N, C-alpha and C. Protein backbone atom coordinates (compact mmCIF):
# COMPACT_ATOMS: atom_id res chain seq x y z
N MET A 1 90.69 71.16 92.33
CA MET A 1 91.82 72.05 92.41
C MET A 1 91.39 73.42 91.85
N THR A 2 91.77 74.46 92.55
CA THR A 2 91.43 75.82 92.15
C THR A 2 92.51 76.36 91.24
N ALA A 3 92.11 76.96 90.13
CA ALA A 3 93.08 77.55 89.21
C ALA A 3 93.60 78.85 89.79
N TYR A 4 94.88 79.10 89.58
CA TYR A 4 95.49 80.35 90.04
C TYR A 4 95.29 81.41 88.97
N ILE A 5 94.64 82.50 89.32
CA ILE A 5 94.46 83.63 88.41
C ILE A 5 95.45 84.68 88.87
N PRO A 6 96.32 85.14 87.99
CA PRO A 6 97.34 86.11 88.40
C PRO A 6 96.74 87.31 89.12
N THR A 7 97.43 87.76 90.14
CA THR A 7 96.98 88.89 90.95
C THR A 7 96.78 90.14 90.10
N VAL A 8 97.61 90.32 89.11
CA VAL A 8 97.49 91.50 88.25
C VAL A 8 96.13 91.49 87.56
N PHE A 9 95.71 90.33 87.07
CA PHE A 9 94.40 90.24 86.42
C PHE A 9 93.29 90.57 87.41
N ASN A 10 93.38 90.03 88.64
CA ASN A 10 92.39 90.35 89.67
C ASN A 10 92.39 91.86 89.94
N GLY A 11 93.57 92.46 90.00
CA GLY A 11 93.67 93.89 90.25
C GLY A 11 93.03 94.71 89.15
N GLN A 12 93.18 94.27 87.91
CA GLN A 12 92.56 94.98 86.79
C GLN A 12 91.05 94.90 86.88
N ILE A 13 90.52 93.74 87.24
CA ILE A 13 89.07 93.60 87.39
C ILE A 13 88.58 94.48 88.53
N ASP A 14 89.29 94.44 89.67
CA ASP A 14 88.91 95.28 90.80
C ASP A 14 88.92 96.76 90.42
N GLN A 15 89.95 97.18 89.66
CA GLN A 15 90.05 98.58 89.26
C GLN A 15 88.89 98.96 88.34
N LEU A 16 88.53 98.10 87.40
CA LEU A 16 87.40 98.39 86.52
C LEU A 16 86.11 98.53 87.31
N LEU A 17 85.90 97.65 88.29
CA LEU A 17 84.69 97.74 89.11
C LEU A 17 84.67 99.03 89.93
N GLU A 18 85.83 99.39 90.51
CA GLU A 18 85.90 100.63 91.29
C GLU A 18 85.61 101.85 90.42
N GLU A 19 86.17 101.88 89.20
CA GLU A 19 85.93 103.00 88.30
C GLU A 19 84.46 103.09 87.91
N ALA A 20 83.82 101.93 87.69
CA ALA A 20 82.39 101.92 87.35
C ALA A 20 81.57 102.44 88.51
N MET A 21 81.91 102.01 89.73
CA MET A 21 81.18 102.47 90.91
C MET A 21 81.41 103.96 91.15
N ARG A 22 82.62 104.43 90.93
CA ARG A 22 82.95 105.82 91.12
C ARG A 22 82.15 106.69 90.14
N GLY A 23 81.94 106.16 88.94
CA GLY A 23 81.17 106.90 87.94
C GLY A 23 79.73 107.11 88.35
N MET A 24 79.22 106.25 89.24
CA MET A 24 77.85 106.37 89.71
C MET A 24 77.75 107.22 90.98
N SER A 25 78.88 107.63 91.53
CA SER A 25 78.86 108.42 92.76
C SER A 25 79.45 109.80 92.47
N HIS A 26 79.60 110.59 93.52
CA HIS A 26 80.16 111.94 93.37
C HIS A 26 81.61 111.99 93.82
N GLU A 27 82.26 110.82 93.97
CA GLU A 27 83.66 110.79 94.36
C GLU A 27 84.55 111.35 93.26
N SER A 28 85.73 111.77 93.68
CA SER A 28 86.73 112.21 92.71
C SER A 28 87.07 111.05 91.79
N ALA A 29 87.29 111.34 90.52
CA ALA A 29 87.59 110.29 89.55
C ALA A 29 89.08 109.96 89.51
N TRP A 30 89.88 110.60 90.35
CA TRP A 30 91.32 110.41 90.30
C TRP A 30 91.75 109.25 91.20
N THR A 31 92.60 108.41 90.67
CA THR A 31 93.31 107.42 91.48
C THR A 31 94.77 107.44 91.04
N PRO A 32 95.68 107.23 91.97
CA PRO A 32 97.09 107.30 91.58
C PRO A 32 97.49 106.17 90.66
N ALA A 33 98.43 106.45 89.78
CA ALA A 33 98.99 105.41 88.92
C ALA A 33 99.75 104.45 89.82
N SER A 34 99.75 103.17 89.43
CA SER A 34 100.44 102.19 90.27
C SER A 34 101.17 101.15 89.44
N ASN A 35 102.18 100.56 90.05
CA ASN A 35 102.92 99.42 89.51
C ASN A 35 102.76 98.30 90.52
N VAL A 36 102.51 97.08 90.03
CA VAL A 36 102.36 95.92 90.90
C VAL A 36 103.21 94.80 90.31
N TRP A 37 104.07 94.18 91.14
CA TRP A 37 104.90 93.11 90.62
C TRP A 37 105.27 92.13 91.73
N GLU A 38 105.74 90.98 91.29
CA GLU A 38 106.23 89.93 92.17
C GLU A 38 107.64 89.60 91.75
N ASP A 39 108.51 89.36 92.72
CA ASP A 39 109.84 88.86 92.42
C ASP A 39 110.14 87.72 93.37
N GLU A 40 111.39 87.26 93.39
CA GLU A 40 111.71 86.10 94.23
C GLU A 40 111.57 86.39 95.71
N LYS A 41 111.61 87.67 96.10
CA LYS A 41 111.53 88.02 97.51
C LYS A 41 110.10 88.28 97.99
N GLY A 42 109.24 88.81 97.10
CA GLY A 42 107.91 89.14 97.56
C GLY A 42 107.01 89.77 96.52
N PHE A 43 105.97 90.42 97.02
CA PHE A 43 104.93 91.07 96.23
C PHE A 43 105.01 92.55 96.55
N HIS A 44 104.99 93.40 95.52
CA HIS A 44 105.23 94.83 95.72
C HIS A 44 104.20 95.68 94.98
N VAL A 45 103.85 96.81 95.60
CA VAL A 45 102.92 97.77 95.00
C VAL A 45 103.55 99.15 95.15
N GLN A 46 103.57 99.91 94.05
CA GLN A 46 104.03 101.30 94.08
C GLN A 46 102.90 102.20 93.61
N LEU A 47 102.74 103.34 94.27
CA LEU A 47 101.76 104.33 93.86
C LEU A 47 102.45 105.67 93.67
N GLY A 48 102.12 106.37 92.59
CA GLY A 48 102.67 107.69 92.34
C GLY A 48 101.83 108.74 93.03
N LEU A 49 102.42 109.44 94.00
CA LEU A 49 101.71 110.46 94.76
C LEU A 49 102.54 111.75 94.81
N PRO A 50 102.73 112.41 93.66
CA PRO A 50 103.57 113.61 93.63
C PRO A 50 102.98 114.74 94.47
N GLY A 51 103.81 115.31 95.31
CA GLY A 51 103.38 116.44 96.12
C GLY A 51 102.63 116.05 97.38
N TRP A 52 102.40 114.78 97.60
CA TRP A 52 101.68 114.32 98.79
C TRP A 52 102.65 114.14 99.94
N GLU A 53 102.14 114.20 101.17
CA GLU A 53 102.92 113.89 102.36
C GLU A 53 102.47 112.52 102.86
N ALA A 54 103.41 111.74 103.36
CA ALA A 54 103.11 110.38 103.83
C ALA A 54 102.01 110.39 104.90
N LYS A 55 101.96 111.42 105.73
CA LYS A 55 100.96 111.47 106.80
C LYS A 55 99.53 111.54 106.27
N ASN A 56 99.36 111.87 104.99
CA ASN A 56 98.02 111.97 104.40
C ASN A 56 97.57 110.70 103.70
N VAL A 57 98.35 109.62 103.86
CA VAL A 57 98.04 108.35 103.20
C VAL A 57 97.88 107.27 104.26
N SER A 58 96.91 106.39 104.06
CA SER A 58 96.64 105.30 104.99
C SER A 58 96.71 103.97 104.24
N ILE A 59 97.30 102.95 104.89
CA ILE A 59 97.38 101.61 104.31
C ILE A 59 96.77 100.65 105.32
N GLN A 60 95.79 99.87 104.87
CA GLN A 60 95.15 98.87 105.73
C GLN A 60 95.08 97.54 105.00
N VAL A 61 95.26 96.46 105.74
CA VAL A 61 95.13 95.12 105.18
C VAL A 61 94.09 94.38 106.00
N GLU A 62 93.10 93.86 105.31
CA GLU A 62 92.08 93.04 105.96
C GLU A 62 91.84 91.82 105.09
N LYS A 63 92.04 90.67 105.69
CA LYS A 63 91.96 89.40 104.97
C LYS A 63 92.98 89.45 103.84
N GLN A 64 92.59 89.30 102.62
CA GLN A 64 93.54 89.29 101.50
C GLN A 64 93.45 90.58 100.67
N VAL A 65 92.93 91.66 101.25
CA VAL A 65 92.76 92.91 100.51
C VAL A 65 93.50 94.05 101.21
N MET A 66 94.37 94.72 100.45
CA MET A 66 95.05 95.90 100.94
C MET A 66 94.33 97.12 100.38
N THR A 67 94.00 98.07 101.26
CA THR A 67 93.35 99.31 100.84
C THR A 67 94.31 100.46 101.13
N VAL A 68 94.59 101.24 100.10
CA VAL A 68 95.41 102.43 100.24
C VAL A 68 94.50 103.62 99.97
N SER A 69 94.46 104.56 100.89
CA SER A 69 93.59 105.73 100.72
C SER A 69 94.34 106.97 101.15
N GLY A 70 93.84 108.11 100.71
CA GLY A 70 94.48 109.35 101.08
C GLY A 70 93.63 110.56 100.74
N ALA A 71 94.01 111.68 101.33
CA ALA A 71 93.35 112.95 101.06
C ALA A 71 94.43 114.02 100.99
N HIS A 72 94.32 114.88 100.00
CA HIS A 72 95.35 115.89 99.77
C HIS A 72 94.68 117.14 99.21
N GLN A 73 95.04 118.27 99.74
CA GLN A 73 94.52 119.52 99.22
C GLN A 73 95.68 120.50 99.09
N ALA A 74 96.03 120.85 97.87
CA ALA A 74 97.11 121.81 97.65
C ALA A 74 96.62 123.20 98.02
N GLU A 75 97.56 124.01 98.48
CA GLU A 75 97.22 125.38 98.83
C GLU A 75 96.96 126.19 97.56
N HIS A 76 95.88 126.94 97.58
CA HIS A 76 95.56 127.80 96.44
C HIS A 76 95.79 129.25 96.87
N ASP A 77 96.59 129.92 96.11
CA ASP A 77 96.88 131.32 96.36
C ASP A 77 95.93 132.14 95.49
N ALA A 78 95.09 132.92 96.13
CA ALA A 78 94.08 133.70 95.41
C ALA A 78 94.69 134.73 94.47
N THR A 79 95.97 135.07 94.68
CA THR A 79 96.60 136.06 93.82
C THR A 79 97.12 135.46 92.52
N ARG A 80 97.11 134.13 92.42
CA ARG A 80 97.60 133.46 91.21
C ARG A 80 96.51 133.36 90.16
N LYS A 81 96.92 133.46 88.93
CA LYS A 81 96.03 133.19 87.81
C LYS A 81 96.46 131.84 87.25
N VAL A 82 95.65 130.81 87.48
CA VAL A 82 96.01 129.44 87.11
C VAL A 82 95.61 129.16 85.67
N TYR A 83 96.54 128.62 84.90
CA TYR A 83 96.28 128.25 83.51
C TYR A 83 96.14 126.74 83.34
N GLN A 84 96.79 126.02 84.20
CA GLN A 84 96.73 124.56 84.12
C GLN A 84 96.97 124.01 85.51
N TRP A 85 96.19 122.98 85.91
CA TRP A 85 96.35 122.38 87.23
C TRP A 85 96.18 120.88 87.09
N GLU A 86 97.28 120.15 86.89
CA GLU A 86 97.20 118.72 86.63
C GLU A 86 97.67 117.86 87.80
N ILE A 87 98.41 118.42 88.73
CA ILE A 87 98.82 117.64 89.89
C ILE A 87 97.57 117.44 90.74
N PRO A 88 97.23 116.18 91.01
CA PRO A 88 95.93 115.88 91.60
C PRO A 88 95.76 116.35 93.04
N ASN A 89 94.53 116.74 93.34
CA ASN A 89 94.05 117.07 94.68
C ASN A 89 92.88 116.15 94.97
N GLY A 90 92.46 116.14 96.20
CA GLY A 90 91.26 115.39 96.55
C GLY A 90 91.56 114.13 97.31
N GLN A 91 90.68 113.16 97.15
CA GLN A 91 90.77 111.91 97.88
C GLN A 91 90.85 110.74 96.91
N PHE A 92 91.38 109.64 97.39
CA PHE A 92 91.39 108.42 96.59
C PHE A 92 91.31 107.22 97.51
N VAL A 93 90.81 106.13 96.96
CA VAL A 93 90.82 104.82 97.62
C VAL A 93 91.16 103.82 96.53
N LYS A 94 92.17 102.99 96.79
CA LYS A 94 92.58 101.99 95.82
C LYS A 94 92.79 100.67 96.55
N ARG A 95 92.24 99.59 95.99
CA ARG A 95 92.32 98.28 96.64
C ARG A 95 93.11 97.29 95.79
N TYR A 96 93.84 96.42 96.48
CA TYR A 96 94.63 95.39 95.82
C TYR A 96 94.37 94.06 96.50
N ARG A 97 94.06 93.05 95.72
CA ARG A 97 93.90 91.70 96.25
C ARG A 97 95.30 91.10 96.39
N LEU A 98 95.62 90.68 97.60
CA LEU A 98 96.95 90.13 97.86
C LEU A 98 96.97 88.63 97.60
N PRO A 99 98.07 88.14 97.07
CA PRO A 99 98.19 86.69 96.85
C PRO A 99 98.32 85.97 98.19
N ASN A 100 97.97 84.71 98.20
CA ASN A 100 98.03 83.90 99.43
C ASN A 100 99.45 83.65 99.93
N PHE A 101 100.44 83.80 99.06
CA PHE A 101 101.80 83.45 99.45
C PHE A 101 102.56 84.54 100.20
N VAL A 102 101.92 85.66 100.54
CA VAL A 102 102.64 86.74 101.22
C VAL A 102 102.46 86.67 102.73
N GLN A 103 103.43 87.25 103.43
CA GLN A 103 103.37 87.40 104.89
C GLN A 103 102.84 88.80 105.18
N GLN A 104 101.55 88.92 105.38
CA GLN A 104 100.93 90.23 105.59
C GLN A 104 101.50 90.94 106.82
N GLU A 105 101.79 90.18 107.86
CA GLU A 105 102.27 90.77 109.12
C GLU A 105 103.70 91.33 108.99
N GLN A 106 104.41 91.01 107.93
CA GLN A 106 105.78 91.48 107.72
C GLN A 106 105.87 92.59 106.67
N ALA A 107 104.76 93.20 106.33
CA ALA A 107 104.73 94.24 105.30
C ALA A 107 105.56 95.45 105.71
N SER A 108 106.11 96.13 104.70
CA SER A 108 106.84 97.37 104.95
C SER A 108 106.40 98.39 103.90
N ALA A 109 106.52 99.67 104.26
CA ALA A 109 106.16 100.75 103.33
C ALA A 109 107.18 101.86 103.42
N THR A 110 107.57 102.39 102.25
CA THR A 110 108.47 103.53 102.19
C THR A 110 107.87 104.57 101.25
N TYR A 111 108.20 105.83 101.51
CA TYR A 111 107.74 106.92 100.66
C TYR A 111 108.94 107.79 100.34
N ARG A 112 109.29 107.85 99.04
CA ARG A 112 110.46 108.63 98.63
C ARG A 112 110.20 109.22 97.25
N ASP A 113 110.49 110.50 97.11
CA ASP A 113 110.37 111.20 95.83
C ASP A 113 108.99 111.05 95.19
N GLY A 114 107.94 111.08 96.01
CA GLY A 114 106.58 111.00 95.49
C GLY A 114 106.11 109.60 95.15
N ILE A 115 106.90 108.58 95.50
CA ILE A 115 106.53 107.19 95.21
C ILE A 115 106.37 106.43 96.53
N LEU A 116 105.18 105.89 96.75
CA LEU A 116 104.91 105.03 97.90
C LEU A 116 105.11 103.59 97.46
N THR A 117 105.97 102.85 98.16
CA THR A 117 106.24 101.46 97.84
C THR A 117 105.86 100.60 99.04
N ILE A 118 105.00 99.62 98.81
CA ILE A 118 104.55 98.70 99.85
C ILE A 118 105.02 97.32 99.44
N SER A 119 105.70 96.62 100.35
CA SER A 119 106.25 95.30 100.03
C SER A 119 105.80 94.26 101.04
N PHE A 120 105.48 93.09 100.53
CA PHE A 120 105.09 91.95 101.34
C PHE A 120 106.06 90.81 101.02
N PRO A 121 106.84 90.33 101.99
CA PRO A 121 107.73 89.21 101.70
C PRO A 121 106.93 87.93 101.46
N LYS A 122 107.53 87.03 100.69
CA LYS A 122 106.89 85.73 100.44
C LYS A 122 107.07 84.84 101.67
N ARG A 123 106.10 83.96 101.88
CA ARG A 123 106.25 82.93 102.90
C ARG A 123 107.38 82.00 102.45
N GLU A 124 108.11 81.44 103.39
CA GLU A 124 109.23 80.56 103.06
C GLU A 124 108.80 79.41 102.17
N GLU A 125 107.65 78.82 102.45
CA GLU A 125 107.20 77.68 101.65
C GLU A 125 106.82 78.06 100.22
N ALA A 126 106.63 79.35 99.96
CA ALA A 126 106.27 79.80 98.62
C ALA A 126 107.48 80.17 97.77
N LYS A 127 108.63 80.30 98.40
CA LYS A 127 109.84 80.67 97.66
C LYS A 127 110.34 79.49 96.84
N ALA A 128 110.89 79.80 95.69
CA ALA A 128 111.45 78.77 94.82
C ALA A 128 112.65 78.13 95.52
N ARG A 129 112.81 76.85 95.31
CA ARG A 129 113.96 76.16 95.89
C ARG A 129 114.45 75.11 94.90
N ARG A 130 115.69 74.79 95.05
CA ARG A 130 116.31 73.80 94.17
C ARG A 130 116.31 72.45 94.88
N ILE A 131 115.95 71.43 94.15
CA ILE A 131 115.93 70.08 94.70
C ILE A 131 117.03 69.28 94.02
N GLU A 132 117.93 68.78 94.84
CA GLU A 132 119.05 67.98 94.32
C GLU A 132 118.57 66.58 93.97
N ILE A 133 119.12 66.03 92.91
CA ILE A 133 118.81 64.67 92.48
C ILE A 133 119.91 63.75 93.01
N ASN A 134 119.51 62.80 93.81
CA ASN A 134 120.47 61.83 94.34
C ASN A 134 120.68 60.71 93.32
N VAL A 135 121.95 60.38 93.10
CA VAL A 135 122.28 59.33 92.14
C VAL A 135 122.91 58.16 92.86
């Protein structure tokens, strides 16, 4: 029997490996902050992308891995004297290992107020159910 390792733990390991690999390359070191959770309906991922347009973000699922990537370049006005620039520019790639209990083909994504939310409903057989005791 295979032990179930929570998806969040897998995601943390994947993120550490990606950060280590990024440190060895010339890629941008920025990745969006994210929230990952499961509820009775499904598995959900949110990414904070302030100032981004949805058309600049791509979501792909292959096997049990979802890859979210994007490229964004804010307009720079040469007449401005910039003192601080913290809203991120550049490119990112972020991967999430999906649990086996999700319906990948039924995924949905919404983008509102700078937050991208991707949801995967649970398979019916994975949902909690109540079993009546016959007396």
